[in-house]
PDB file of N, CA and C in Angstrom:
ATOM      1  N   MET A   1     113.186  93.284 118.486  1.00  0.00           N
ATOM      2  CA  MET A   1     112.339  94.369 118.536  1.00  0.00           C
ATOM      3  C   MET A   1     111.090  94.028 119.276  1.00  0.00           C
ATOM      4  N   ALA A   2     110.411  94.962 119.939  1.00  0.00           N
ATOM      5  CA  ALA A   2     109.165  94.781 120.659  1.00  0.00           C
ATOM      6  C   ALA A   2     108.205  95.859 120.228  1.00  0.00           C
ATOM      7  N   LEU A   3     106.925  95.639 120.401  1.00  0.00           N
ATOM      8  CA  LEU A   3     105.962  96.562 120.019  1.00  0.00           C
ATOM      9  C   LEU A   3     105.139  96.927 121.232  1.00  0.00           C
ATOM     10  N   ASP A   4     104.895  98.192 121.505  1.00  0.00           N
ATOM     11  CA  ASP A   4     104.138  98.704 122.650  1.00  0.00           C
ATOM     12  C   ASP A   4     103.165  99.744 122.053  1.00  0.00           C
ATOM     13  N   MET A   5     101.892  99.548 122.505  1.00  0.00           N
ATOM     14  CA  MET A   5     100.861 100.504 122.079  1.00  0.00           C
ATOM     15  C   MET A   5      99.709 100.538 123.048  1.00  0.00           C
ATOM     16  N   ARG A   6      98.861 101.537 122.930  1.00  0.00           N
ATOM     17  CA  ARG A   6      97.635 101.677 123.806  1.00  0.00           C
ATOM     18  C   ARG A   6      96.503 101.672 122.789  1.00  0.00           C
ATOM     19  N   VAL A   7      95.421 101.010 123.276  1.00  0.00           N
ATOM     20  CA  VAL A   7      94.175 100.998 122.388  1.00  0.00           C
ATOM     21  C   VAL A   7      92.945 101.337 123.138  1.00  0.00           C
ATOM     22  N   SER A   8      91.889 101.696 122.370  1.00  0.00           N
ATOM     23  CA  SER A   8      90.653 102.129 123.055  1.00  0.00           C
ATOM     24  C   SER A   8      89.631 100.986 123.045  1.00  0.00           C
ATOM     25  N   LEU A   9      90.109  99.799 123.300  1.00  0.00           N
ATOM     26  CA  LEU A   9      89.286  98.591 123.471  1.00  0.00           C
ATOM     27  C   LEU A   9      89.463  97.936 124.815  1.00  0.00           C
ATOM     28  N   HIS A  10      88.548  97.160 125.235  1.00  0.00           N
ATOM     29  CA  HIS A  10      88.743  96.229 126.359  1.00  0.00           C
ATOM     30  C   HIS A  10      89.728  95.200 126.014  1.00  0.00           C
ATOM     31  N   PRO A  11      90.535  94.751 126.974  1.00  0.00           N
ATOM     32  CA  PRO A  11      91.497  93.703 126.581  1.00  0.00           C
ATOM     33  C   PRO A  11      90.959  92.476 125.849  1.00  0.00           C
ATOM     34  N   LYS A  12      89.726  91.994 126.318  1.00  0.00           N
ATOM     35  CA  LYS A  12      89.110  90.848 125.715  1.00  0.00           C
ATOM     36  C   LYS A  12      88.865  91.099 124.240  1.00  0.00           C
ATOM     37  N   GLN A  13      88.357  92.271 123.908  1.00  0.00           N
ATOM     38  CA  GLN A  13      88.013  92.604 122.482  1.00  0.00           C
ATOM     39  C   GLN A  13      89.366  92.727 121.668  1.00  0.00           C
ATOM     40  N   ALA A  14      90.328  93.291 122.243  1.00  0.00           N
ATOM     41  CA  ALA A  14      91.593  93.521 121.505  1.00  0.00           C
ATOM     42  C   ALA A  14      92.218  92.126 121.284  1.00  0.00           C
ATOM     43  N   ALA A  15      92.196  91.208 122.257  1.00  0.00           N
ATOM     44  CA  ALA A  15      92.748  89.839 122.115  1.00  0.00           C
ATOM     45  C   ALA A  15      91.985  89.061 120.984  1.00  0.00           C
ATOM     46  N   GLU A  16      90.681  89.190 120.917  1.00  0.00           N
ATOM     47  CA  GLU A  16      89.936  88.633 119.935  1.00  0.00           C
ATOM     48  C   GLU A  16      90.304  89.001 118.534  1.00  0.00           C
ATOM     49  N   ILE A  17      90.502  90.353 118.338  1.00  0.00           N
ATOM     50  CA  ILE A  17      90.915  90.928 117.030  1.00  0.00           C
ATOM     51  C   ILE A  17      92.282  90.466 116.624  1.00  0.00           C
ATOM     52  N   VAL A  18      93.257  90.458 117.568  1.00  0.00           N
ATOM     53  CA  VAL A  18      94.565  89.981 117.275  1.00  0.00           C
ATOM     54  C   VAL A  18      94.577  88.493 116.927  1.00  0.00           C
ATOM     55  N   ASN A  19      93.712  87.664 117.703  1.00  0.00           N
ATOM     56  CA  ASN A  19      93.694  86.234 117.455  1.00  0.00           C
ATOM     57  C   ASN A  19      93.115  86.029 116.002  1.00  0.00           C
ATOM     58  N   ASN A  20      92.056  86.741 115.644  1.00  0.00           N
ATOM     59  CA  ASN A  20      91.524  86.601 114.309  1.00  0.00           C
ATOM     60  C   ASN A  20      92.479  86.916 113.213  1.00  0.00           C
ATOM     61  N   GLU A  21      93.214  87.969 113.449  1.00  0.00           N
ATOM     62  CA  GLU A  21      94.236  88.417 112.507  1.00  0.00           C
ATOM     63  C   GLU A  21      95.326  87.446 112.272  1.00  0.00           C
ATOM     64  N   ILE A  22      95.836  86.819 113.337  1.00  0.00           N
ATOM     65  CA  ILE A  22      97.000  85.834 113.226  1.00  0.00           C
ATOM     66  C   ILE A  22      96.471  84.501 112.787  1.00  0.00           C
ATOM     67  N   VAL A  23      95.477  83.983 113.393  1.00  0.00           N
ATOM     68  CA  VAL A  23      95.018  82.596 113.066  1.00  0.00           C
ATOM     69  C   VAL A  23      94.145  82.587 111.775  1.00  0.00           C
ATOM     70  N   ASN A  24      93.214  83.418 111.591  1.00  0.00           N
ATOM     71  CA  ASN A  24      92.376  83.347 110.407  1.00  0.00           C
ATOM     72  C   ASN A  24      92.894  84.229 109.273  1.00  0.00           C
ATOM     73  N   GLY A  25      93.814  85.106 109.485  1.00  0.00           N
ATOM     74  CA  GLY A  25      94.350  86.014 108.432  1.00  0.00           C
ATOM     75  C   GLY A  25      95.618  85.443 107.847  1.00  0.00           C
ATOM     76  N   SER A  26      96.012  84.173 108.229  1.00  0.00           N
ATOM     77  CA  SER A  26      97.211  83.584 107.561  1.00  0.00           C
ATOM     78  C   SER A  26      97.039  82.121 107.414  1.00  0.00           C
ATOM     79  N   VAL A  27      97.897  81.471 106.655  1.00  0.00           N
ATOM     80  CA  VAL A  27      97.816  80.124 106.591  1.00  0.00           C
ATOM     81  C   VAL A  27      98.443  79.227 107.538  1.00  0.00           C
ATOM     82  N   THR A  28      99.527  79.790 108.135  1.00  0.00           N
ATOM     83  CA  THR A  28     100.402  79.100 109.099  1.00  0.00           C
ATOM     84  C   THR A  28     100.294  79.584 110.536  1.00  0.00           C
ATOM     85  N   GLY A  29      99.506  80.655 110.821  1.00  0.00           N
ATOM     86  CA  GLY A  29      99.479  81.241 112.147  1.00  0.00           C
ATOM     87  C   GLY A  29      98.568  80.375 113.012  1.00  0.00           C
ATOM     88  N   GLU A  30      98.999  80.129 114.273  1.00  0.00           N
ATOM     89  CA  GLU A  30      98.169  79.360 115.169  1.00  0.00           C
ATOM     90  C   GLU A  30      98.421  79.781 116.587  1.00  0.00           C
ATOM     91  N   LEU A  31      97.367  79.732 117.413  1.00  0.00           N
ATOM     92  CA  LEU A  31      97.530  80.008 118.795  1.00  0.00           C
ATOM     93  C   LEU A  31      98.062  78.798 119.575  1.00  0.00           C
ATOM     94  N   ILE A  32      99.121  79.019 120.248  1.00  0.00           N
ATOM     95  CA  ILE A  32      99.750  77.871 121.061  1.00  0.00           C
ATOM     96  C   ILE A  32      99.017  77.851 122.431  1.00  0.00           C
ATOM     97  N   ASP A  33      98.874  78.949 123.110  1.00  0.00           N
ATOM     98  CA  ASP A  33      98.220  78.935 124.329  1.00  0.00           C
ATOM     99  C   ASP A  33      97.833  80.377 124.747  1.00  0.00           C
ATOM    100  N   SER A  34      96.817  80.528 125.526  1.00  0.00           N
ATOM    101  CA  SER A  34      96.325  81.756 126.029  1.00  0.00           C
ATOM    102  C   SER A  34      95.994  81.699 127.512  1.00  0.00           C
ATOM    103  N   TYR A  35      96.424  82.685 128.320  1.00  0.00           N
ATOM    104  CA  TYR A  35      96.226  82.647 129.736  1.00  0.00           C
ATOM    105  C   TYR A  35      95.611  84.018 130.112  1.00  0.00           C
ATOM    106  N   VAL A  36      94.529  83.941 130.954  1.00  0.00           N
ATOM    107  CA  VAL A  36      93.763  85.113 131.324  1.00  0.00           C
ATOM    108  C   VAL A  36      93.882  85.344 132.857  1.00  0.00           C
ATOM    109  N   ILE A  37      94.240  86.561 133.275  1.00  0.00           N
ATOM    110  CA  ILE A  37      94.221  86.967 134.634  1.00  0.00           C
ATOM    111  C   ILE A  37      93.143  87.905 134.930  1.00  0.00           C
ATOM    112  N   ASN A  38      92.155  87.581 135.716  1.00  0.00           N
ATOM    113  CA  ASN A  38      91.081  88.473 136.025  1.00  0.00           C
ATOM    114  C   ASN A  38      91.373  89.225 137.301  1.00  0.00           C
ATOM    115  N   GLY A  39      91.204  90.544 137.229  1.00  0.00           N
ATOM    116  CA  GLY A  39      91.403  91.438 138.410  1.00  0.00           C
ATOM    117  C   GLY A  39      90.114  91.995 138.870  1.00  0.00           C
ATOM    118  N   ASP A  40      90.203  92.944 139.842  1.00  0.00           N
ATOM    119  CA  ASP A  40      88.997  93.542 140.222  1.00  0.00           C
ATOM    120  C   ASP A  40      88.560  94.728 139.375  1.00  0.00           C
ATOM    121  N   ASN A  41      87.264  95.011 139.436  1.00  0.00           N
ATOM    122  CA  ASN A  41      86.729  96.112 138.647  1.00  0.00           C
ATOM    123  C   ASN A  41      86.966  96.027 137.187  1.00  0.00           C
ATOM    124  N   ASP A  42      86.673  94.826 136.602  1.00  0.00           N
ATOM    125  CA  ASP A  42      86.702  94.668 135.134  1.00  0.00           C
ATOM    126  C   ASP A  42      88.177  94.774 134.636  1.00  0.00           C
ATOM    127  N   LYS A  43      89.144  94.593 135.531  1.00  0.00           N
ATOM    128  CA  LYS A  43      90.620  94.599 135.062  1.00  0.00           C
ATOM    129  C   LYS A  43      90.863  93.197 134.499  1.00  0.00           C
ATOM    130  N   LEU A  44      91.661  93.164 133.542  1.00  0.00           N
ATOM    131  CA  LEU A  44      91.990  91.885 132.771  1.00  0.00           C
ATOM    132  C   LEU A  44      93.334  91.925 132.184  1.00  0.00           C
ATOM    133  N   CYS A  45      94.032  90.729 132.190  1.00  0.00           N
ATOM    134  CA  CYS A  45      95.303  90.582 131.422  1.00  0.00           C
ATOM    135  C   CYS A  45      95.143  89.296 130.635  1.00  0.00           C
ATOM    136  N   VAL A  46      95.389  89.423 129.352  1.00  0.00           N
ATOM    137  CA  VAL A  46      95.380  88.258 128.453  1.00  0.00           C
ATOM    138  C   VAL A  46      96.800  88.119 127.923  1.00  0.00           C
ATOM    139  N   ILE A  47      97.369  86.930 128.113  1.00  0.00           N
ATOM    140  CA  ILE A  47      98.629  86.623 127.617  1.00  0.00           C
ATOM    141  C   ILE A  47      98.523  85.562 126.618  1.00  0.00           C
ATOM    142  N   SER A  48      98.911  85.805 125.317  1.00  0.00           N
ATOM    143  CA  SER A  48      98.734  84.794 124.263  1.00  0.00           C
ATOM    144  C   SER A  48     100.087  84.519 123.555  1.00  0.00           C
ATOM    145  N   VAL A  49     100.370  83.236 123.203  1.00  0.00           N
ATOM    146  CA  VAL A  49     101.505  82.898 122.574  1.00  0.00           C
ATOM    147  C   VAL A  49     101.105  82.280 121.118  1.00  0.00           C
ATOM    148  N   TYR A  50     101.674  82.884 120.061  1.00  0.00           N
ATOM    149  CA  TYR A  50     101.396  82.399 118.730  1.00  0.00           C
ATOM    150  C   TYR A  50     102.604  81.789 118.096  1.00  0.00           C
ATOM    151  N   ASP A  51     102.294  81.101 117.003  1.00  0.00           N
ATOM    152  CA  ASP A  51     103.407  80.400 116.278  1.00  0.00           C
ATOM    153  C   ASP A  51     103.047  80.565 114.760  1.00  0.00           C
ATOM    154  N   LYS A  52     104.050  80.893 113.953  1.00  0.00           N
ATOM    155  CA  LYS A  52     103.802  80.996 112.486  1.00  0.00           C
ATOM    156  C   LYS A  52     105.098  80.683 111.747  1.00  0.00           C
ATOM    157  N   HIS A  53     104.884  80.034 110.606  1.00  0.00           N
ATOM    158  CA  HIS A  53     106.021  79.699 109.811  1.00  0.00           C
ATOM    159  C   HIS A  53     106.334  80.835 108.726  1.00  0.00           C
ATOM    160  N   TYR A  54     107.564  81.328 108.703  1.00  0.00           N
ATOM    161  CA  TYR A  54     107.984  82.280 107.734  1.00  0.00           C
ATOM    162  C   TYR A  54     109.006  81.754 106.886  1.00  0.00           C
ATOM    163  N   TYR A  55     108.802  81.669 105.585  1.00  0.00           N
ATOM    164  CA  TYR A  55     109.608  81.135 104.595  1.00  0.00           C
ATOM    165  C   TYR A  55     110.981  81.936 104.563  1.00  0.00           C
ATOM    166  N   ARG A  56     110.897  83.190 104.596  1.00  0.00           N
ATOM    167  CA  ARG A  56     112.074  84.043 104.488  1.00  0.00           C
ATOM    168  C   ARG A  56     113.046  83.783 105.707  1.00  0.00           C
ATOM    169  N   ALA A  57     112.497  83.405 106.877  1.00  0.00           N
ATOM    170  CA  ALA A  57     113.365  83.110 108.058  1.00  0.00           C
ATOM    171  C   ALA A  57     113.806  81.761 108.040  1.00  0.00           C
ATOM    172  N   GLY A  58     113.126  80.856 107.212  1.00  0.00           N
ATOM    173  CA  GLY A  58     113.536  79.482 107.124  1.00  0.00           C
ATOM    174  C   GLY A  58     112.996  78.631 108.345  1.00  0.00           C
ATOM    175  N   ASN A  59     112.144  79.194 109.178  1.00  0.00           N
ATOM    176  CA  ASN A  59     111.580  78.341 110.290  1.00  0.00           C
ATOM    177  C   ASN A  59     110.308  79.076 110.850  1.00  0.00           C
ATOM    178  N   ARG A  60     109.954  78.585 111.983  1.00  0.00           N
ATOM    179  CA  ARG A  60     108.704  79.092 112.692  1.00  0.00           C
ATOM    180  C   ARG A  60     109.187  80.210 113.650  1.00  0.00           C
ATOM    181  N   LEU A  61     108.338  81.196 113.939  1.00  0.00           N
ATOM    182  CA  LEU A  61     108.578  82.236 114.829  1.00  0.00           C
ATOM    183  C   LEU A  61     107.456  82.204 115.862  1.00  0.00           C
ATOM    184  N   THR A  62     107.871  82.622 117.047  1.00  0.00           N
ATOM    185  CA  THR A  62     106.728  82.745 118.038  1.00  0.00           C
ATOM    186  C   THR A  62     106.471  84.247 118.309  1.00  0.00           C
ATOM    187  N   LEU A  63     105.281  84.525 118.736  1.00  0.00           N
ATOM    188  CA  LEU A  63     104.875  85.879 119.089  1.00  0.00           C
ATOM    189  C   LEU A  63     104.126  85.900 120.445  1.00  0.00           C
ATOM    190  N   THR A  64     104.643  86.495 121.488  1.00  0.00           N
ATOM    191  CA  THR A  64     103.990  86.615 122.782  1.00  0.00           C
ATOM    192  C   THR A  64     103.314  88.015 122.833  1.00  0.00           C
ATOM    193  N   VAL A  65     102.063  87.963 123.132  1.00  0.00           N
ATOM    194  CA  VAL A  65     101.199  89.187 123.055  1.00  0.00           C
ATOM    195  C   VAL A  65     100.609  89.340 124.452  1.00  0.00           C
ATOM    196  N   VAL A  66     100.890  90.395 125.165  1.00  0.00           N
ATOM    197  CA  VAL A  66     100.201  90.712 126.524  1.00  0.00           C
ATOM    198  C   VAL A  66      99.322  91.939 126.284  1.00  0.00           C
ATOM    199  N   ILE A  67      98.031  91.830 126.708  1.00  0.00           N
ATOM    200  CA  ILE A  67      97.043  92.878 126.635  1.00  0.00           C
ATOM    201  C   ILE A  67      96.510  92.946 127.949  1.00  0.00           C
ATOM    202  N   ASP A  68      96.528  94.241 128.587  1.00  0.00           N
ATOM    203  CA  ASP A  68      95.988  94.413 129.911  1.00  0.00           C
ATOM    204  C   ASP A  68      95.402  95.841 130.090  1.00  0.00           C
ATOM    205  N   ASN A  69      94.580  95.904 131.000  1.00  0.00           N
ATOM    206  CA  ASN A  69      94.050  97.297 131.429  1.00  0.00           C
ATOM    207  C   ASN A  69      94.173  97.453 132.957  1.00  0.00           C
ATOM    208  N   MET A  70      95.248  96.882 133.515  1.00  0.00           N
ATOM    209  CA  MET A  70      95.464  96.904 134.912  1.00  0.00           C
ATOM    210  C   MET A  70      95.644  98.236 135.491  1.00  0.00           C
ATOM    211  N   GLU A  71      96.098  99.171 134.629  1.00  0.00           N
ATOM    212  CA  GLU A  71      96.357 100.589 135.077  1.00  0.00           C
ATOM    213  C   GLU A  71      95.329 101.481 134.425  1.00  0.00           C
ATOM    214  N   GLY A  72      94.300 100.987 133.991  1.00  0.00           N
ATOM    215  CA  GLY A  72      93.194 101.828 133.464  1.00  0.00           C
ATOM    216  C   GLY A  72      93.021 101.687 131.925  1.00  0.00           C
ATOM    217  N   VAL A  73      94.065 102.211 131.232  1.00  0.00           N
ATOM    218  CA  VAL A  73      94.070 102.073 129.790  1.00  0.00           C
ATOM    219  C   VAL A  73      94.525 100.750 129.303  1.00  0.00           C
ATOM    220  N   THR A  74      94.056 100.318 128.160  1.00  0.00           N
ATOM    221  CA  THR A  74      94.349  99.023 127.627  1.00  0.00           C
ATOM    222  C   THR A  74      95.844  99.166 126.871  1.00  0.00           C
ATOM    223  N   LYS A  75      96.715  98.414 127.390  1.00  0.00           N
ATOM    224  CA  LYS A  75      98.010  98.422 126.768  1.00  0.00           C
ATOM    225  C   LYS A  75      98.284  97.034 126.073  1.00  0.00           C
ATOM    226  N   VAL A  76      98.998  97.177 124.943  1.00  0.00           N
ATOM    227  CA  VAL A  76      99.383  96.010 124.215  1.00  0.00           C
ATOM    228  C   VAL A  76     100.891  95.866 124.108  1.00  0.00           C
ATOM    229  N   HIS A  77     101.413  94.810 124.430  1.00  0.00           N
ATOM    230  CA  HIS A  77     102.902  94.577 124.287  1.00  0.00           C
ATOM    231  C   HIS A  77     103.083  93.260 123.586  1.00  0.00           C
ATOM    232  N   CYS A  78     103.984  93.193 122.622  1.00  0.00           N
ATOM    233  CA  CYS A  78     104.279  91.998 122.022  1.00  0.00           C
ATOM    234  C   CYS A  78     105.762  91.912 121.633  1.00  0.00           C
ATOM    235  N   ILE A  79     106.250  90.619 121.511  1.00  0.00           N
ATOM    236  CA  ILE A  79     107.609  90.443 121.244  1.00  0.00           C
ATOM    237  C   ILE A  79     107.698  89.050 120.433  1.00  0.00           C
ATOM    238  N   SER A  80     108.474  89.076 119.397  1.00  0.00           N
ATOM    239  CA  SER A  80     108.548  87.847 118.589  1.00  0.00           C
ATOM    240  C   SER A  80     110.050  87.291 118.710  1.00  0.00           C
ATOM    241  N   GLY A  81     110.152  86.040 118.502  1.00  0.00           N
ATOM    242  CA  GLY A  81     111.496  85.438 118.558  1.00  0.00           C
ATOM    243  C   GLY A  81     111.544  84.104 117.911  1.00  0.00           C
ATOM    244  N   GLY A  82     112.635  83.500 117.776  1.00  0.00           N
ATOM    245  CA  GLY A  82     112.815  82.171 117.201  1.00  0.00           C
ATOM    246  C   GLY A  82     113.231  82.204 115.792  1.00  0.00           C
ATOM    247  N   GLY A  83     113.298  83.358 115.206  1.00  0.00           N
ATOM    248  CA  GLY A  83     113.602  83.436 113.665  1.00  0.00           C
ATOM    249  C   GLY A  83     114.988  83.354 113.303  1.00  0.00           C
ATOM    250  N   GLY A  84     115.318  82.935 112.137  1.00  0.00           N
ATOM    251  CA  GLY A  84     116.631  82.923 111.619  1.00  0.00           C
ATOM    252  C   GLY A  84     117.389  81.644 111.850  1.00  0.00           C
ATOM    253  N   GLU A  85     118.484  81.481 111.070  1.00  0.00           N
ATOM    254  CA  GLU A  85     119.360  80.317 111.177  1.00  0.00           C
ATOM    255  C   GLU A  85     120.746  80.685 111.591  1.00  0.00           C
ATOM    256  N   GLY A  86     121.467  79.772 112.040  1.00  0.00           N
ATOM    257  CA  GLY A  86     122.924  79.964 112.205  1.00  0.00           C
ATOM    258  C   GLY A  86     123.204  80.825 113.567  1.00  0.00           C
ATOM    259  N   PHE A  87     124.417  81.084 113.631  1.00  0.00           N
ATOM    260  CA  PHE A  87     124.989  81.806 114.875  1.00  0.00           C
ATOM    261  C   PHE A  87     124.311  83.195 114.954  1.00  0.00           C
ATOM    262  N   PHE A  88     124.138  83.882 113.961  1.00  0.00           N
ATOM    263  CA  PHE A  88     123.710  85.344 114.040  1.00  0.00           C
ATOM    264  C   PHE A  88     122.158  85.475 114.018  1.00  0.00           C
ATOM    265  N   ARG A  89     121.423  84.372 113.675  1.00  0.00           N
ATOM    266  CA  ARG A  89     120.047  84.307 113.732  1.00  0.00           C
ATOM    267  C   ARG A  89     119.340  85.448 112.993  1.00  0.00           C
ATOM    268  N   PHE A  90     119.821  85.720 111.766  1.00  0.00           N
ATOM    269  CA  PHE A  90     119.241  86.792 110.908  1.00  0.00           C
ATOM    270  C   PHE A  90     117.980  86.267 110.374  1.00  0.00           C
ATOM    271  N   ASP A  91     116.894  87.055 110.556  1.00  0.00           N
ATOM    272  CA  ASP A  91     115.515  86.544 110.120  1.00  0.00           C
ATOM    273  C   ASP A  91     114.923  87.235 108.969  1.00  0.00           C
ATOM    274  N   TRP A  92     115.640  88.147 108.327  1.00  0.00           N
ATOM    275  CA  TRP A  92     115.176  88.892 107.134  1.00  0.00           C
ATOM    276  C   TRP A  92     113.912  89.747 107.381  1.00  0.00           C
ATOM    277  N   GLY A  93     113.801  90.164 108.625  1.00  0.00           N
ATOM    278  CA  GLY A  93     112.682  91.043 108.974  1.00  0.00           C
ATOM    279  C   GLY A  93     111.440  90.349 109.340  1.00  0.00           C
ATOM    280  N   ALA A  94     111.415  88.967 109.550  1.00  0.00           N
ATOM    281  CA  ALA A  94     110.238  88.189 109.744  1.00  0.00           C
ATOM    282  C   ALA A  94     109.726  88.525 111.079  1.00  0.00           C
ATOM    283  N   ALA A  95     110.638  88.731 112.133  1.00  0.00           N
ATOM    284  CA  ALA A  95     110.112  88.933 113.486  1.00  0.00           C
ATOM    285  C   ALA A  95     109.372  90.298 113.558  1.00  0.00           C
ATOM    286  N   GLU A  96     109.773  91.347 112.890  1.00  0.00           N
ATOM    287  CA  GLU A  96     109.130  92.594 112.845  1.00  0.00           C
ATOM    288  C   GLU A  96     107.798  92.572 112.056  1.00  0.00           C
ATOM    289  N   SER A  97     107.771  91.695 111.007  1.00  0.00           N
ATOM    290  CA  SER A  97     106.527  91.416 110.263  1.00  0.00           C
ATOM    291  C   SER A  97     105.542  90.785 111.134  1.00  0.00           C
ATOM    292  N   PHE A  98     105.919  89.823 111.958  1.00  0.00           N
ATOM    293  CA  PHE A  98     104.976  89.143 112.889  1.00  0.00           C
ATOM    294  C   PHE A  98     104.437  90.107 113.883  1.00  0.00           C
ATOM    295  N   GLU A  99     105.273  90.960 114.441  1.00  0.00           N
ATOM    296  CA  GLU A  99     104.773  91.976 115.328  1.00  0.00           C
ATOM    297  C   GLU A  99     103.871  93.032 114.645  1.00  0.00           C
ATOM    298  N   TYR A 100     104.088  93.301 113.368  1.00  0.00           N
ATOM    299  CA  TYR A 100     103.283  94.170 112.662  1.00  0.00           C
ATOM    300  C   TYR A 100     101.913  93.699 112.562  1.00  0.00           C
ATOM    301  N   CYS A 101     101.682  92.382 112.464  1.00  0.00           N
ATOM    302  CA  CYS A 101     100.318  91.830 112.418  1.00  0.00           C
ATOM    303  C   CYS A 101      99.421  92.365 113.534  1.00  0.00           C
ATOM    304  N   VAL A 102     100.056  92.420 114.686  1.00  0.00           N
ATOM    305  CA  VAL A 102      99.303  93.018 115.882  1.00  0.00           C
ATOM    306  C   VAL A 102      98.998  94.462 115.711  1.00  0.00           C
ATOM    307  N   GLU A 103      99.985  95.208 115.309  1.00  0.00           N
ATOM    308  CA  GLU A 103      99.812  96.637 115.096  1.00  0.00           C
ATOM    309  C   GLU A 103      98.862  96.889 114.040  1.00  0.00           C
ATOM    310  N   ASN A 104      98.872  96.165 112.910  1.00  0.00           N
ATOM    311  CA  ASN A 104      97.905  96.392 111.789  1.00  0.00           C
ATOM    312  C   ASN A 104      96.502  95.998 112.260  1.00  0.00           C
ATOM    313  N   ALA A 105      96.287  94.990 113.018  1.00  0.00           N
ATOM    314  CA  ALA A 105      95.047  94.541 113.415  1.00  0.00           C
ATOM    315  C   ALA A 105      94.287  95.572 114.326  1.00  0.00           C
ATOM    316  N   LEU A 106      95.179  96.251 115.178  1.00  0.00           N
ATOM    317  CA  LEU A 106      94.575  97.194 116.105  1.00  0.00           C
ATOM    318  C   LEU A 106      94.753  98.638 115.836  1.00  0.00           C
ATOM    319  N   SER A 107      95.230  98.877 114.514  1.00  0.00           N
ATOM    320  CA  SER A 107      95.643 100.285 114.175  1.00  0.00           C
ATOM    321  C   SER A 107      94.467 101.312 114.287  1.00  0.00           C
ATOM    322  N   LYS A 108      93.264 100.933 113.949  1.00  0.00           N
ATOM    323  CA  LYS A 108      92.115 101.893 113.997  1.00  0.00           C
ATOM    324  C   LYS A 108      91.717 102.225 115.488  1.00  0.00           C
ATOM    325  N   TYR A 109      92.192 101.400 116.393  1.00  0.00           N
ATOM    326  CA  TYR A 109      91.926 101.620 117.825  1.00  0.00           C
ATOM    327  C   TYR A 109      93.037 102.183 118.672  1.00  0.00           C
ATOM    328  N   LYS A 110      94.148 102.465 117.909  1.00  0.00           N
ATOM    329  CA  LYS A 110      95.446 103.005 118.561  1.00  0.00           C
ATOM    330  C   LYS A 110      95.113 104.396 119.171  1.00  0.00           C
ATOM    331  N   MET A 111      95.662 104.612 120.330  1.00  0.00           N
ATOM    332  CA  MET A 111      95.499 105.846 121.012  1.00  0.00           C
ATOM    333  C   MET A 111      96.815 106.593 120.994  1.00  0.00           C
TER     334      MET A 111
END
């Protein structure tokens, strides 16, 4: 599953809120890396990859978050992966829960 939403924030502000929610709002959440692409006229794209341990999935999950305003409005896209064990990789909803961290953090800015 993936999450797509639009928010009424500049990408830099949105990225800071998401980072705070994942890293400071949990015990095991950490930022692996972040990459920023600067465009003309205050256009910006922030790509961040997070890692977090979920006991119900039995391992760590990653979350890739892309926040940009390249087309005017700030868009947020995120996708999680790596959860579950075995052939079917069933993660007990942990991947959706990780994505929900982003939606929850930015909910009051959602357009």
